[in-house]
Amino acid sequence: MSRWAWVCVRVVVLAVSVLGLVHVPSWVEDAYRDRVVYERAPLCPAGGPAGADCFERVKGEVVDMGTRGCPGDGCPPEEQRLRVRYGRDTVWLTVKGSTYDAARRGTPADVRLWRGTMTRVEVGGHATDYLPSAGSSLLWRLSGFWLLAGVAVCAAACSRRRSLAFAGSAWLLLTAPVVVIADTSLLGTLGVVDVILAGILAVPGLAVSVVGLRKARER
């Protein structure tokens, strides 16, 4: 690719990414509001109608159980699964080992729903939790914002394809730690464990950044 064509590609990518970044804040804000409502939602009143912003409790039953995968070295880990019937729905669920061990066919199951989506199943006092879209969409949208910002930065700052490779790889590897910090900070739950986890996750990205800077100085 000629130098002129490379410059044109960078300009187009930069323009598109900047246009996307203009609309991202409202996109993230919508997910943040849903997440706050989800995090603060109470249980629906017992015996009362399910509300839009409360956790509905439903009685269910284990109707089948089984595993998926294969044991032994070189195999993916086994998934322990329960088939649970609640209301008019019957679904297969991947559960924790303790939940699976407490279950038998016909065992009662307590199901918790958020706007019709399952968030918890409890069998014999052992529970497995699930994150609905209201809980996970903020993580995905923060990731999208970070990656789109990375595209803009790389398009604007990387004049050579080799530097683009290092910068893009480092930015991509830093996605997880940045999202962990941003998510917990927005929700006001940032703690020492979150900082340590983010630091560990950031090591590969920082290592690639250092190597990229050294290569650039060598030229």
Protein backbone atom coordinates (compact mmCIF):
# COMPACT_ATOMS: atom_id res chain seq x y z
CA MET A 1 0.00 0.00 0.00
CA SER A 2 1.34 3.42 -0.96
CA ARG A 3 1.95 6.12 1.63
CA TRP A 4 -0.92 8.20 0.22
CA ALA A 5 -3.35 5.30 0.39
CA TRP A 6 -2.25 4.55 3.98
CA VAL A 7 -2.92 8.16 4.98
CA CYS A 8 -6.37 8.04 3.37
CA VAL A 9 -7.22 4.85 5.24
CA ARG A 10 -6.16 6.41 8.54
CA VAL A 11 -8.24 9.54 7.90
CA VAL A 12 -11.35 7.52 7.07
CA VAL A 13 -10.93 5.23 10.10
CA LEU A 14 -10.33 8.22 12.37
CA ALA A 15 -13.44 10.02 11.09
CA VAL A 16 -15.65 6.96 11.54
CA SER A 17 -14.34 6.23 15.04
CA VAL A 18 -14.73 9.85 16.18
CA LEU A 19 -18.30 9.84 14.85
CA GLY A 20 -18.96 6.70 16.84
CA LEU A 21 -17.43 8.18 20.00
CA VAL A 22 -19.86 11.09 19.80
CA HIS A 23 -22.79 8.69 20.29
CA VAL A 24 -21.15 6.29 22.75
CA PRO A 25 -21.69 8.29 25.99
CA SER A 26 -25.50 8.10 25.77
CA TRP A 27 -25.19 4.40 24.86
CA VAL A 28 -23.10 3.75 27.97
CA GLU A 29 -25.37 5.92 30.11
CA ASP A 30 -28.43 3.81 29.23
CA ALA A 31 -26.62 0.65 30.30
CA TYR A 32 -25.40 2.34 33.49
CA ARG A 33 -28.93 3.31 34.49
CA ASP A 34 -30.20 -0.22 33.87
CA ARG A 35 -27.31 -1.61 35.92
CA VAL A 36 -28.03 0.71 38.85
CA VAL A 37 -31.69 -0.29 38.86
CA TYR A 38 -30.68 -3.95 38.74
CA GLU A 39 -28.10 -3.65 41.54
CA ARG A 40 -30.55 -1.84 43.84
CA ALA A 41 -33.66 -3.87 43.05
CA PRO A 42 -35.47 -5.52 45.99
CA LEU A 43 -37.34 -8.81 45.99
CA CYS A 44 -40.92 -8.56 44.78
CA PRO A 45 -43.49 -8.74 47.59
CA ALA A 46 -44.36 -12.33 48.49
CA GLY A 47 -47.67 -13.30 46.98
CA GLY A 48 -47.92 -10.03 45.10
CA PRO A 49 -47.60 -9.25 41.40
CA ALA A 50 -44.10 -9.12 39.95
CA GLY A 51 -42.87 -5.60 39.38
CA ALA A 52 -40.73 -4.38 36.50
CA ASP A 53 -37.91 -3.40 38.84
CA CYS A 54 -37.89 -6.17 41.45
CA PHE A 55 -36.75 -9.78 41.59
CA GLU A 56 -39.59 -12.22 41.13
CA ARG A 57 -39.41 -15.45 43.11
CA VAL A 58 -40.83 -18.55 41.44
CA LYS A 59 -41.10 -22.15 42.64
CA GLY A 60 -39.61 -24.71 40.28
CA GLU A 61 -38.54 -28.33 40.10
CA VAL A 62 -35.51 -30.24 38.82
CA VAL A 63 -36.80 -32.54 36.07
CA ASP A 64 -33.49 -33.83 34.69
CA MET A 65 -29.75 -33.58 35.22
CA GLY A 66 -26.59 -34.45 33.35
CA THR A 67 -23.11 -33.38 32.30
CA ARG A 68 -21.65 -32.09 29.05
CA GLY A 69 -18.02 -32.43 28.05
CA CYS A 70 -15.56 -35.18 28.88
CA PRO A 71 -13.38 -35.90 31.92
CA GLY A 72 -9.64 -36.31 31.74
CA ASP A 73 -6.63 -34.48 30.35
CA GLY A 74 -6.98 -32.72 27.02
CA CYS A 75 -10.75 -32.42 27.34
CA PRO A 76 -12.82 -29.35 28.05
CA PRO A 77 -14.06 -29.25 31.66
CA GLU A 78 -17.37 -30.95 32.29
CA GLU A 79 -20.43 -28.75 32.58
CA GLN A 80 -22.82 -29.87 35.27
CA ARG A 81 -26.33 -29.08 34.15
CA LEU A 82 -29.83 -29.18 35.56
CA ARG A 83 -33.07 -29.06 33.65
CA VAL A 84 -35.42 -26.92 35.69
CA ARG A 85 -39.13 -26.39 35.16
CA TYR A 86 -40.70 -23.21 36.52
CA GLY A 87 -44.03 -21.73 35.52
CA ARG A 88 -44.50 -22.53 31.83
CA ASP A 89 -40.78 -22.68 31.08
CA THR A 90 -38.32 -25.56 31.19
CA VAL A 91 -34.62 -24.77 30.68
CA TRP A 92 -31.21 -26.43 30.89
CA LEU A 93 -28.87 -24.54 33.24
CA THR A 94 -25.15 -24.89 33.85
CA VAL A 95 -24.75 -24.85 37.64
CA LYS A 96 -22.04 -24.95 40.27
CA GLY A 97 -20.87 -28.31 41.57
CA SER A 98 -22.52 -27.77 44.96
CA THR A 99 -25.87 -26.97 43.34
CA TYR A 100 -25.61 -30.02 41.10
CA ASP A 101 -24.70 -32.32 44.01
CA ALA A 102 -27.71 -31.13 46.01
CA ALA A 103 -30.14 -31.90 43.19
CA ARG A 104 -32.11 -35.00 42.33
CA ARG A 105 -34.93 -35.44 39.84
CA GLY A 106 -38.03 -34.00 41.49
CA THR A 107 -36.06 -31.79 43.91
CA PRO A 108 -37.75 -28.40 44.47
CA ALA A 109 -35.89 -25.41 43.03
CA ASP A 110 -36.22 -21.75 43.94
CA VAL A 111 -35.86 -19.51 40.89
CA ARG A 112 -35.26 -15.77 40.90
CA LEU A 113 -36.18 -13.74 37.80
CA TRP A 114 -35.32 -10.21 36.68
CA ARG A 115 -37.80 -8.93 34.10
CA GLY A 116 -38.46 -12.48 33.03
CA THR A 117 -34.78 -13.50 32.84
CA MET A 118 -33.36 -15.99 35.34
CA THR A 119 -30.74 -14.59 37.70
CA ARG A 120 -30.53 -17.37 40.31
CA VAL A 121 -31.49 -20.98 40.87
CA GLU A 122 -31.26 -22.50 44.34
CA VAL A 123 -31.50 -26.19 45.11
CA GLY A 124 -31.16 -27.63 48.60
CA GLY A 125 -29.71 -24.38 49.94
CA HIS A 126 -27.03 -24.17 47.22
CA ALA A 127 -27.38 -21.38 44.65
CA THR A 128 -25.96 -20.55 41.24
CA ASP A 129 -26.22 -16.96 40.02
CA TYR A 130 -26.52 -15.69 36.44
CA LEU A 131 -25.90 -12.21 35.09
CA PRO A 132 -28.74 -10.93 32.87
CA SER A 133 -28.29 -8.34 30.15
CA ALA A 134 -28.99 -5.56 32.66
CA GLY A 135 -25.90 -6.67 34.56
CA SER A 136 -23.57 -7.40 31.66
CA SER A 137 -24.47 -4.75 29.08
CA LEU A 138 -22.50 -2.04 30.90
CA LEU A 139 -19.37 -4.21 30.73
CA TRP A 140 -19.79 -4.77 27.00
CA ARG A 141 -20.50 -1.12 26.28
CA LEU A 142 -17.53 0.08 28.30
CA SER A 143 -15.43 -2.38 26.31
CA GLY A 144 -16.85 -1.00 23.09
CA PHE A 145 -16.10 2.57 24.16
CA TRP A 146 -12.49 1.69 25.06
CA LEU A 147 -11.87 -0.19 21.82
CA LEU A 148 -13.42 2.54 19.69
CA ALA A 149 -11.25 5.11 21.45
CA GLY A 150 -8.26 2.87 20.72
CA VAL A 151 -9.11 2.82 17.03
CA ALA A 152 -9.22 6.63 17.01
CA VAL A 153 -5.93 6.97 18.89
CA CYS A 154 -4.12 4.43 16.70
CA ALA A 155 -5.44 5.98 13.50
CA ALA A 156 -4.32 9.44 14.61
CA ALA A 157 -0.94 8.55 16.14
CA CYS A 158 0.38 5.51 14.30
CA SER A 159 1.93 6.56 11.02
CA ARG A 160 3.57 3.15 10.44
CA ARG A 161 1.97 -0.24 10.33
CA ARG A 162 4.52 -1.74 12.71
CA SER A 163 3.77 0.85 15.38
CA LEU A 164 0.06 0.29 14.72
CA ALA A 165 0.49 -3.42 15.46
CA PHE A 166 2.18 -2.77 18.82
CA ALA A 167 -0.19 0.03 19.83
CA GLY A 168 -3.30 -1.86 18.78
CA SER A 169 -2.22 -5.04 20.59
CA ALA A 170 -1.38 -3.16 23.79
CA TRP A 171 -4.67 -1.26 23.71
CA LEU A 172 -6.62 -4.49 23.17
CA LEU A 173 -4.84 -6.25 26.04
CA LEU A 174 -5.61 -3.35 28.37
CA THR A 175 -9.35 -3.63 27.72
CA ALA A 176 -10.10 -5.98 30.63
CA PRO A 177 -8.30 -3.99 33.38
CA VAL A 178 -9.73 -0.68 32.16
CA VAL A 179 -13.27 -2.09 32.10
CA VAL A 180 -12.86 -3.59 35.60
CA ILE A 181 -11.77 -0.23 37.02
CA ALA A 182 -14.40 1.77 35.10
CA ASP A 183 -17.26 -0.58 35.98
CA THR A 184 -16.51 -0.73 39.70
CA SER A 185 -15.79 3.00 39.87
CA LEU A 186 -19.10 3.92 38.23
CA LEU A 187 -20.98 1.72 40.67
CA GLY A 188 -19.05 3.03 43.67
CA THR A 189 -17.71 -0.42 44.57
CA LEU A 190 -14.03 -0.04 43.68
CA GLY A 191 -11.92 -1.90 46.22
CA VAL A 192 -8.43 -3.22 46.80
CA VAL A 193 -9.27 -6.57 45.18
CA ASP A 194 -10.47 -4.80 42.03
CA VAL A 195 -7.27 -2.76 41.83
CA ILE A 196 -5.10 -5.86 42.30
CA LEU A 197 -7.08 -7.78 39.67
CA ALA A 198 -6.84 -4.88 37.23
CA GLY A 199 -3.09 -4.65 37.86
CA ILE A 200 -2.60 -8.34 37.11
CA LEU A 201 -4.70 -8.12 33.95
CA ALA A 202 -2.75 -5.05 32.82
CA VAL A 203 0.66 -6.77 32.83
CA PRO A 204 0.48 -8.21 29.27
CA GLY A 205 -0.69 -4.90 27.80
CA LEU A 206 2.01 -2.94 29.60
CA ALA A 207 4.64 -5.45 28.49
CA VAL A 208 3.63 -5.04 24.84
CA SER A 209 3.69 -1.26 25.28
CA VAL A 210 7.26 -1.36 26.63
CA VAL A 211 8.44 -3.58 23.78
CA GLY A 212 6.77 -1.30 21.26
CA LEU A 213 8.46 1.81 22.71
CA ARG A 214 11.85 0.10 22.64
CA LYS A 215 11.39 -0.90 19.01
CA ALA A 216 10.40 2.64 18.13
CA ARG A 217 13.53 4.05 19.83
CA GLU A 218 15.77 1.56 18.06
CA ARG A 219 14.64 2.90 14.72
